[in-house]
Amino acid sequence: MEKAELVDLKEVDEMMTGDGDGEGDQRKIDPEMETERLRLMSIKLTINMVRLYKSTIIKAKHFGSHCGEYD
C-alpha cells in the first residue's frame, strides 16, 4: 500500500484551474466541447440502461423458468 503524500492546496488549485487564487475553476468552457461531452455521456447512459434492462429480462426469464413459466 502506498503512503499518502501531503499536497499544497495552492498547488492543487493551480493544477485544477491554472490560476492558484483559491477561488475554484474560473476557466471559460468551450460550448462545443461541453455539448460533445454531454452527448457522449447521454449515449453512455443509454447503453447502460439497455444493458440493465436486458439483464433484468434475462433474470426474470431464469426465475420464471424455475416457477414453470417461460417454458
N, C-alpha and C. Protein backbone atom coordinates (compact mmCIF):
# COMPACT_ATOMS: atom_id res chain seq x y z
N MET A 1 0.85 -1.18 0.00
CA MET A 1 0.00 0.00 0.00
C MET A 1 0.89 1.23 0.00
N GLU A 2 0.57 2.20 -0.84
CA GLU A 2 1.37 3.40 -0.94
C GLU A 2 1.02 4.38 0.17
N LYS A 3 2.03 5.16 0.58
CA LYS A 3 1.79 6.18 1.59
C LYS A 3 1.22 7.42 0.91
N ALA A 4 0.30 8.07 1.59
CA ALA A 4 -0.30 9.29 1.05
C ALA A 4 0.70 10.44 1.14
N GLU A 5 0.69 11.30 0.14
CA GLU A 5 1.56 12.46 0.14
C GLU A 5 0.77 13.68 0.62
N LEU A 6 1.45 14.58 1.31
CA LEU A 6 0.84 15.85 1.66
C LEU A 6 0.97 16.76 0.45
N VAL A 7 -0.12 17.43 0.10
CA VAL A 7 -0.13 18.25 -1.10
C VAL A 7 -0.51 19.68 -0.72
N ASP A 8 0.20 20.63 -1.28
CA ASP A 8 -0.11 22.03 -1.06
C ASP A 8 -1.41 22.38 -1.78
N LEU A 9 -2.38 22.95 -1.06
CA LEU A 9 -3.68 23.24 -1.66
C LEU A 9 -3.58 24.24 -2.80
N LYS A 10 -2.65 25.19 -2.69
CA LYS A 10 -2.48 26.17 -3.77
C LYS A 10 -1.99 25.46 -5.04
N GLU A 11 -1.11 24.47 -4.86
CA GLU A 11 -0.61 23.71 -5.99
C GLU A 11 -1.74 22.92 -6.66
N VAL A 12 -2.63 22.35 -5.84
CA VAL A 12 -3.78 21.62 -6.38
C VAL A 12 -4.69 22.56 -7.15
N ASP A 13 -4.93 23.75 -6.59
CA ASP A 13 -5.78 24.73 -7.27
C ASP A 13 -5.17 25.15 -8.61
N GLU A 14 -3.86 25.29 -8.64
CA GLU A 14 -3.18 25.65 -9.89
C GLU A 14 -3.35 24.54 -10.92
N MET A 15 -3.24 23.28 -10.47
CA MET A 15 -3.41 22.16 -11.40
C MET A 15 -4.84 22.10 -11.93
N MET A 16 -5.81 22.39 -11.07
CA MET A 16 -7.22 22.29 -11.47
C MET A 16 -7.69 23.48 -12.29
N THR A 17 -7.25 24.69 -11.92
CA THR A 17 -7.79 25.88 -12.56
C THR A 17 -6.75 26.68 -13.32
N GLY A 18 -5.48 26.47 -12.99
CA GLY A 18 -4.44 27.20 -13.69
C GLY A 18 -4.09 28.54 -13.08
N ASP A 19 -4.86 29.00 -12.06
CA ASP A 19 -4.56 30.32 -11.54
C ASP A 19 -4.04 30.33 -10.10
N GLY A 20 -4.42 29.37 -9.30
CA GLY A 20 -3.90 29.28 -7.94
C GLY A 20 -4.44 30.33 -6.99
N ASP A 21 -5.57 30.96 -7.33
CA ASP A 21 -6.11 32.01 -6.46
C ASP A 21 -7.05 31.47 -5.39
N GLY A 22 -7.32 30.16 -5.41
CA GLY A 22 -8.15 29.55 -4.38
C GLY A 22 -9.63 29.77 -4.57
N GLU A 23 -10.05 30.31 -5.70
CA GLU A 23 -11.46 30.60 -5.92
C GLU A 23 -12.17 29.56 -6.77
N GLY A 24 -11.55 28.45 -7.01
CA GLY A 24 -12.18 27.41 -7.82
C GLY A 24 -11.95 27.64 -9.30
N ASP A 25 -12.66 26.90 -10.08
CA ASP A 25 -12.45 26.90 -11.53
C ASP A 25 -13.13 28.11 -12.17
N GLN A 26 -12.34 29.00 -12.70
CA GLN A 26 -12.86 30.19 -13.35
C GLN A 26 -12.61 30.18 -14.86
N ARG A 27 -12.16 29.04 -15.38
CA ARG A 27 -11.85 28.96 -16.80
C ARG A 27 -13.12 29.00 -17.64
N LYS A 28 -12.98 29.50 -18.83
CA LYS A 28 -14.10 29.50 -19.78
C LYS A 28 -14.21 28.10 -20.37
N ILE A 29 -15.41 27.61 -20.48
CA ILE A 29 -15.63 26.28 -21.05
C ILE A 29 -16.13 26.47 -22.48
N ASP A 30 -15.50 25.78 -23.39
CA ASP A 30 -15.90 25.84 -24.79
C ASP A 30 -17.27 25.18 -24.94
N PRO A 31 -18.28 25.92 -25.40
CA PRO A 31 -19.63 25.34 -25.51
C PRO A 31 -19.70 24.12 -26.42
N GLU A 32 -18.92 24.10 -27.48
CA GLU A 32 -18.95 22.94 -28.38
C GLU A 32 -18.40 21.69 -27.69
N MET A 33 -17.33 21.87 -26.94
CA MET A 33 -16.74 20.73 -26.22
C MET A 33 -17.70 20.24 -25.13
N GLU A 34 -18.36 21.17 -24.46
CA GLU A 34 -19.30 20.80 -23.41
C GLU A 34 -20.49 20.05 -24.02
N THR A 35 -20.97 20.52 -25.17
CA THR A 35 -22.07 19.85 -25.85
C THR A 35 -21.67 18.43 -26.25
N GLU A 36 -20.47 18.28 -26.78
CA GLU A 36 -19.98 16.95 -27.18
C GLU A 36 -19.84 16.04 -25.96
N ARG A 37 -19.33 16.58 -24.86
CA ARG A 37 -19.18 15.79 -23.64
C ARG A 37 -20.54 15.32 -23.13
N LEU A 38 -21.53 16.21 -23.15
CA LEU A 38 -22.87 15.83 -22.70
C LEU A 38 -23.50 14.80 -23.64
N ARG A 39 -23.26 14.94 -24.94
CA ARG A 39 -23.80 13.97 -25.91
C ARG A 39 -23.22 12.58 -25.65
N LEU A 40 -21.91 12.52 -25.41
CA LEU A 40 -21.28 11.24 -25.15
C LEU A 40 -21.75 10.63 -23.83
N MET A 41 -21.94 11.47 -22.82
CA MET A 41 -22.46 10.98 -21.54
C MET A 41 -23.88 10.42 -21.71
N SER A 42 -24.68 11.07 -22.55
CA SER A 42 -26.03 10.61 -22.81
C SER A 42 -26.03 9.25 -23.50
N ILE A 43 -25.14 9.08 -24.47
CA ILE A 43 -25.02 7.79 -25.17
C ILE A 43 -24.60 6.70 -24.20
N LYS A 44 -23.63 7.01 -23.35
CA LYS A 44 -23.14 6.03 -22.38
C LYS A 44 -24.26 5.64 -21.40
N LEU A 45 -25.03 6.62 -20.97
CA LEU A 45 -26.14 6.34 -20.06
C LEU A 45 -27.18 5.46 -20.72
N THR A 46 -27.49 5.75 -21.98
CA THR A 46 -28.47 4.94 -22.72
C THR A 46 -28.00 3.50 -22.85
N ILE A 47 -26.72 3.31 -23.18
CA ILE A 47 -26.17 1.96 -23.31
C ILE A 47 -26.27 1.22 -21.98
N ASN A 48 -25.94 1.90 -20.89
CA ASN A 48 -26.02 1.26 -19.57
C ASN A 48 -27.46 0.90 -19.20
N MET A 49 -28.41 1.76 -19.58
CA MET A 49 -29.82 1.46 -19.30
C MET A 49 -30.27 0.23 -20.08
N VAL A 50 -29.86 0.11 -21.34
CA VAL A 50 -30.22 -1.05 -22.15
C VAL A 50 -29.62 -2.32 -21.56
N ARG A 51 -28.37 -2.24 -21.13
CA ARG A 51 -27.73 -3.42 -20.51
C ARG A 51 -28.46 -3.84 -19.24
N LEU A 52 -28.84 -2.88 -18.42
CA LEU A 52 -29.58 -3.18 -17.20
C LEU A 52 -30.93 -3.81 -17.53
N TYR A 53 -31.62 -3.26 -18.53
CA TYR A 53 -32.92 -3.81 -18.94
C TYR A 53 -32.77 -5.25 -19.42
N LYS A 54 -31.76 -5.50 -20.26
CA LYS A 54 -31.54 -6.86 -20.78
C LYS A 54 -31.24 -7.83 -19.65
N SER A 55 -30.37 -7.43 -18.72
CA SER A 55 -30.02 -8.34 -17.63
C SER A 55 -31.23 -8.60 -16.73
N THR A 56 -32.09 -7.61 -16.57
CA THR A 56 -33.30 -7.79 -15.77
C THR A 56 -34.25 -8.78 -16.44
N ILE A 57 -34.41 -8.66 -17.77
CA ILE A 57 -35.27 -9.59 -18.51
C ILE A 57 -34.71 -11.01 -18.42
N ILE A 58 -33.40 -11.15 -18.58
CA ILE A 58 -32.78 -12.47 -18.51
C ILE A 58 -32.99 -13.09 -17.13
N LYS A 59 -32.82 -12.29 -16.09
CA LYS A 59 -33.02 -12.80 -14.72
C LYS A 59 -34.48 -13.17 -14.50
N ALA A 60 -35.41 -12.37 -15.04
CA ALA A 60 -36.83 -12.68 -14.89
C ALA A 60 -37.18 -13.98 -15.59
N LYS A 61 -36.64 -14.16 -16.79
CA LYS A 61 -36.91 -15.41 -17.52
C LYS A 61 -36.32 -16.61 -16.78
N HIS A 62 -35.12 -16.43 -16.23
CA HIS A 62 -34.48 -17.51 -15.49
C HIS A 62 -35.31 -17.87 -14.26
N PHE A 63 -35.75 -16.86 -13.53
CA PHE A 63 -36.57 -17.10 -12.35
C PHE A 63 -37.91 -17.72 -12.74
N GLY A 64 -38.50 -17.21 -13.85
CA GLY A 64 -39.78 -17.73 -14.32
C GLY A 64 -39.69 -19.19 -14.74
N SER A 65 -38.54 -19.58 -15.29
CA SER A 65 -38.39 -20.98 -15.71
C SER A 65 -38.38 -21.92 -14.51
N HIS A 66 -37.94 -21.42 -13.36
CA HIS A 66 -37.98 -22.24 -12.14
C HIS A 66 -39.39 -22.34 -11.58
N CYS A 67 -40.23 -21.37 -11.95
CA CYS A 67 -41.60 -21.36 -11.45
C CYS A 67 -42.59 -21.97 -12.45
N GLY A 68 -42.09 -22.49 -13.56
CA GLY A 68 -42.96 -23.12 -14.54
C GLY A 68 -43.41 -22.21 -15.66
N GLU A 69 -42.98 -20.95 -15.65
CA GLU A 69 -43.31 -20.02 -16.73
C GLU A 69 -42.18 -20.01 -17.75
N TYR A 70 -42.42 -19.43 -18.89
CA TYR A 70 -41.43 -19.28 -19.95
C TYR A 70 -40.85 -20.63 -20.42
N ASP A 71 -41.67 -21.65 -20.48
CA ASP A 71 -41.17 -22.97 -20.93
C ASP A 71 -40.91 -23.00 -22.40
